[in-house]
Amino acid sequence: MYYLQQIFQIMFDPEYTTASLYDTPRLGDTFVIVSLCAFFMSVDAFLQAYLRTYTISMGVLSFGATACTIYLLWVGLAMLFHIGAELMGGQGELPNALSFVGLGMAPLIFTSLMRCVLTVLSIEVYYNDPDMLFAKAGFGLTLIGMAWGTPGIICYFGMKNAEKLHMLKALIVTLILFLAFAALLVLTSNIF
């Protein structure tokens, strides 16, 4: 119950949640949130692979690859945010960036759960979807999760509070990284 309260607090009051990260990075809570995000995104990847091929090994491979990718993404994105903050005159440390980037994955937990439902519906129920409406809805959910969490609004407050960066500089770094990841998401998706 504690983590569910923490997730809702992160999502709906990022200013308060990230205010103390400069003095005390919460890496334990962050690791749990990243692990939950990795689990639910991996379940979605498992469902997509298994339901398309009916091969359990492909599902397990997709599950493992997605989980590893999420953890690497967490560390890599935290490094990018920290380097951006350093270049702009921030005063934080890498654990601060690891904290707010990981906490920013909280909205992605919910979007991943909704994507699991969309995956099952698109493959098992509405398998003949020529307009790819479910794939586009899943893409939209991922984009909303990114804009709300990592690398979006929550990371902006993290840059401002945990890296002690001026709000305009924090906005610039956050926008650059968000737009880069959104472009990468568009390029790697097969719905357009």
Protein backbone atom coordinates (compact mmCIF):
# COMPACT_ATOMS: atom_id res chain seq x y z
CA MET A 1 0.00 0.00 0.00
CA TYR A 2 2.93 2.31 0.73
CA TYR A 3 4.23 2.15 -2.85
CA LEU A 4 0.78 2.70 -4.33
CA GLN A 5 0.48 5.89 -2.26
CA GLN A 6 3.97 6.91 -3.34
CA ILE A 7 3.14 6.34 -7.00
CA PHE A 8 0.02 8.51 -6.81
CA GLN A 9 1.93 11.20 -4.92
CA ILE A 10 4.65 11.18 -7.57
CA MET A 11 2.13 11.41 -10.38
CA PHE A 12 -0.08 14.13 -8.93
CA ASP A 13 2.37 16.22 -6.88
CA PRO A 14 5.80 16.02 -8.54
CA GLU A 15 6.92 19.36 -7.07
CA TYR A 16 6.53 18.08 -3.51
CA THR A 17 7.88 14.61 -4.32
CA THR A 18 11.09 15.87 -5.91
CA ALA A 19 11.70 18.74 -3.46
CA SER A 20 13.78 16.63 -1.06
CA LEU A 21 15.72 14.62 -3.65
CA TYR A 22 18.67 17.02 -3.60
CA ASP A 23 19.41 16.23 0.04
CA THR A 24 18.20 12.61 0.17
CA PRO A 25 17.89 10.65 -3.09
CA ARG A 26 15.38 7.84 -2.58
CA LEU A 27 17.06 5.07 -4.55
CA GLY A 28 15.20 2.26 -2.77
CA ASP A 29 11.76 3.61 -3.66
CA THR A 30 13.02 4.44 -7.11
CA PHE A 31 14.27 0.91 -7.72
CA VAL A 32 10.87 -0.54 -6.75
CA ILE A 33 9.06 1.82 -9.13
CA VAL A 34 11.46 1.07 -11.99
CA SER A 35 11.07 -2.65 -11.29
CA LEU A 36 7.27 -2.39 -11.41
CA CYS A 37 7.49 -0.44 -14.65
CA ALA A 38 9.91 -2.98 -16.12
CA PHE A 39 7.65 -5.86 -15.05
CA PHE A 40 4.47 -4.48 -16.61
CA MET A 41 6.21 -3.38 -19.80
CA SER A 42 7.79 -6.83 -20.00
CA VAL A 43 4.40 -8.49 -19.54
CA ASP A 44 3.12 -6.45 -22.48
CA ALA A 45 6.14 -7.51 -24.57
CA PHE A 46 5.57 -11.14 -23.54
CA LEU A 47 1.91 -10.96 -24.55
CA GLN A 48 2.74 -9.39 -27.90
CA ALA A 49 5.38 -11.98 -28.73
CA TYR A 50 3.49 -15.00 -27.43
CA LEU A 51 0.09 -14.12 -28.89
CA ARG A 52 1.60 -13.44 -32.32
CA THR A 53 3.79 -16.55 -32.54
CA TYR A 54 2.26 -18.92 -29.94
CA THR A 55 5.81 -19.73 -28.91
CA ILE A 56 6.54 -19.45 -25.21
CA SER A 57 10.28 -19.03 -25.80
CA MET A 58 9.68 -15.90 -27.90
CA GLY A 59 7.52 -14.51 -25.11
CA VAL A 60 10.15 -15.20 -22.47
CA LEU A 61 12.87 -13.72 -24.69
CA SER A 62 10.80 -10.58 -25.22
CA PHE A 63 10.08 -10.38 -21.50
CA GLY A 64 13.78 -10.57 -20.57
CA ALA A 65 14.95 -8.20 -23.30
CA THR A 66 12.35 -5.59 -22.34
CA ALA A 67 13.20 -5.80 -18.63
CA CYS A 68 16.92 -5.34 -19.34
CA THR A 69 16.17 -2.47 -21.70
CA ILE A 70 14.09 -0.64 -19.07
CA TYR A 71 16.88 -0.84 -16.48
CA LEU A 72 19.47 0.32 -19.04
CA LEU A 73 17.15 3.10 -20.13
CA TRP A 74 16.76 4.23 -16.52
CA VAL A 75 20.52 4.51 -16.00
CA GLY A 76 21.23 5.96 -19.46
CA LEU A 77 18.51 8.58 -19.26
CA ALA A 78 19.59 9.56 -15.74
CA MET A 79 23.12 10.05 -17.06
CA LEU A 80 21.82 12.21 -19.92
CA PHE A 81 19.76 14.34 -17.53
CA HIS A 82 22.72 14.68 -15.16
CA ILE A 83 25.11 15.64 -17.97
CA GLY A 84 22.57 18.16 -19.26
CA ALA A 85 22.24 19.61 -15.76
CA GLU A 86 26.03 19.78 -15.38
CA LEU A 87 26.35 21.64 -18.67
CA MET A 88 23.67 24.12 -17.58
CA GLY A 89 25.22 24.72 -14.14
CA GLY A 90 23.27 22.24 -12.00
CA GLN A 91 24.55 21.27 -8.57
CA GLY A 92 23.12 17.76 -8.17
CA GLU A 93 24.78 14.37 -8.22
CA LEU A 94 24.08 11.28 -10.33
CA PRO A 95 22.02 9.57 -7.56
CA ASN A 96 19.68 12.58 -7.64
CA ALA A 97 19.15 12.08 -11.38
CA LEU A 98 18.67 8.33 -10.90
CA SER A 99 16.00 9.13 -8.32
CA PHE A 100 13.88 11.53 -10.34
CA VAL A 101 14.18 9.59 -13.60
CA GLY A 102 13.13 6.41 -11.81
CA LEU A 103 10.29 8.12 -9.99
CA GLY A 104 9.18 9.52 -13.33
CA MET A 105 8.46 6.00 -14.52
CA ALA A 106 5.40 5.84 -12.26
CA PRO A 107 2.92 6.93 -14.99
CA LEU A 108 4.42 4.31 -17.30
CA ILE A 109 3.25 1.61 -14.88
CA PHE A 110 -0.37 2.53 -15.58
CA THR A 111 0.10 3.05 -19.30
CA SER A 112 1.78 -0.37 -19.48
CA LEU A 113 -1.18 -1.99 -17.76
CA MET A 114 -3.53 -0.38 -20.26
CA ARG A 115 -1.27 -1.46 -23.12
CA CYS A 116 -1.52 -5.07 -21.92
CA VAL A 117 -5.29 -4.87 -22.26
CA LEU A 118 -4.95 -3.27 -25.71
CA THR A 119 -2.51 -5.98 -26.78
CA VAL A 120 -4.88 -8.80 -25.84
CA LEU A 121 -7.82 -7.02 -27.47
CA SER A 122 -5.93 -6.28 -30.67
CA ILE A 123 -4.55 -9.77 -31.15
CA GLU A 124 -7.24 -12.03 -29.73
CA VAL A 125 -10.50 -10.11 -30.14
CA TYR A 126 -10.05 -7.63 -32.99
CA TYR A 127 -7.33 -9.42 -34.94
CA ASN A 128 -8.46 -7.89 -38.23
CA ASP A 129 -7.80 -4.20 -37.57
CA PRO A 130 -6.71 -2.68 -40.91
CA ASP A 131 -6.55 0.85 -39.48
CA MET A 132 -4.38 -0.35 -36.56
CA LEU A 133 -6.49 1.57 -34.07
CA PHE A 134 -5.27 -0.46 -31.09
CA ALA A 135 -1.64 0.00 -32.09
CA LYS A 136 -2.19 3.75 -32.43
CA ALA A 137 -3.93 3.86 -29.05
CA GLY A 138 -0.99 2.01 -27.49
CA PHE A 139 1.41 4.46 -29.12
CA GLY A 140 -0.63 7.34 -27.72
CA LEU A 141 -0.62 5.82 -24.24
CA THR A 142 3.15 5.46 -24.34
CA LEU A 143 3.53 9.05 -25.49
CA ILE A 144 1.25 10.28 -22.68
CA GLY A 145 3.22 8.26 -20.13
CA MET A 146 6.46 9.72 -21.41
CA ALA A 147 5.11 13.29 -21.38
CA TRP A 148 3.79 12.88 -17.87
CA GLY A 149 6.68 10.94 -16.40
CA THR A 150 10.04 10.08 -17.90
CA PRO A 151 11.34 12.15 -19.72
CA GLY A 152 8.53 14.66 -19.22
CA ILE A 153 6.87 16.68 -16.48
CA ILE A 154 8.10 14.70 -13.48
CA CYS A 155 11.67 14.87 -14.80
CA TYR A 156 11.29 18.64 -15.26
CA PHE A 157 10.48 19.01 -11.56
CA GLY A 158 13.33 16.62 -10.76
CA MET A 159 15.76 18.74 -12.76
CA LYS A 160 14.53 21.87 -11.04
CA ASN A 161 14.61 20.46 -7.49
CA ALA A 162 17.11 17.58 -7.41
CA GLU A 163 19.69 19.12 -9.74
CA LYS A 164 19.08 22.69 -8.47
CA LEU A 165 18.67 24.00 -11.99
CA HIS A 166 16.85 27.19 -12.96
CA MET A 167 13.33 26.39 -14.20
CA LEU A 168 13.98 27.61 -17.76
CA LYS A 169 17.17 25.58 -18.04
CA ALA A 170 15.39 22.55 -16.61
CA LEU A 171 12.63 23.02 -19.17
CA ILE A 172 15.14 23.21 -22.04
CA VAL A 173 16.97 20.01 -21.04
CA THR A 174 13.69 18.17 -20.43
CA LEU A 175 12.20 19.28 -23.75
CA ILE A 176 15.30 18.26 -25.70
CA LEU A 177 15.32 14.78 -24.16
CA PHE A 178 11.56 14.36 -24.46
CA LEU A 179 11.55 15.36 -28.13
CA ALA A 180 14.50 13.06 -28.84
CA PHE A 181 12.75 10.09 -27.21
CA ALA A 182 9.42 10.92 -28.88
CA ALA A 183 11.18 11.00 -32.26
CA LEU A 184 12.82 7.66 -31.47
CA LEU A 185 9.43 6.23 -30.52
CA VAL A 186 7.92 7.43 -33.81
CA LEU A 187 10.83 6.03 -35.84
CA THR A 188 10.70 2.62 -34.18
CA SER A 189 6.94 2.20 -34.27
CA ASN A 190 5.39 0.53 -37.27
CA ILE A 191 2.03 2.29 -37.19
CA PHE A 192 2.83 5.22 -39.49
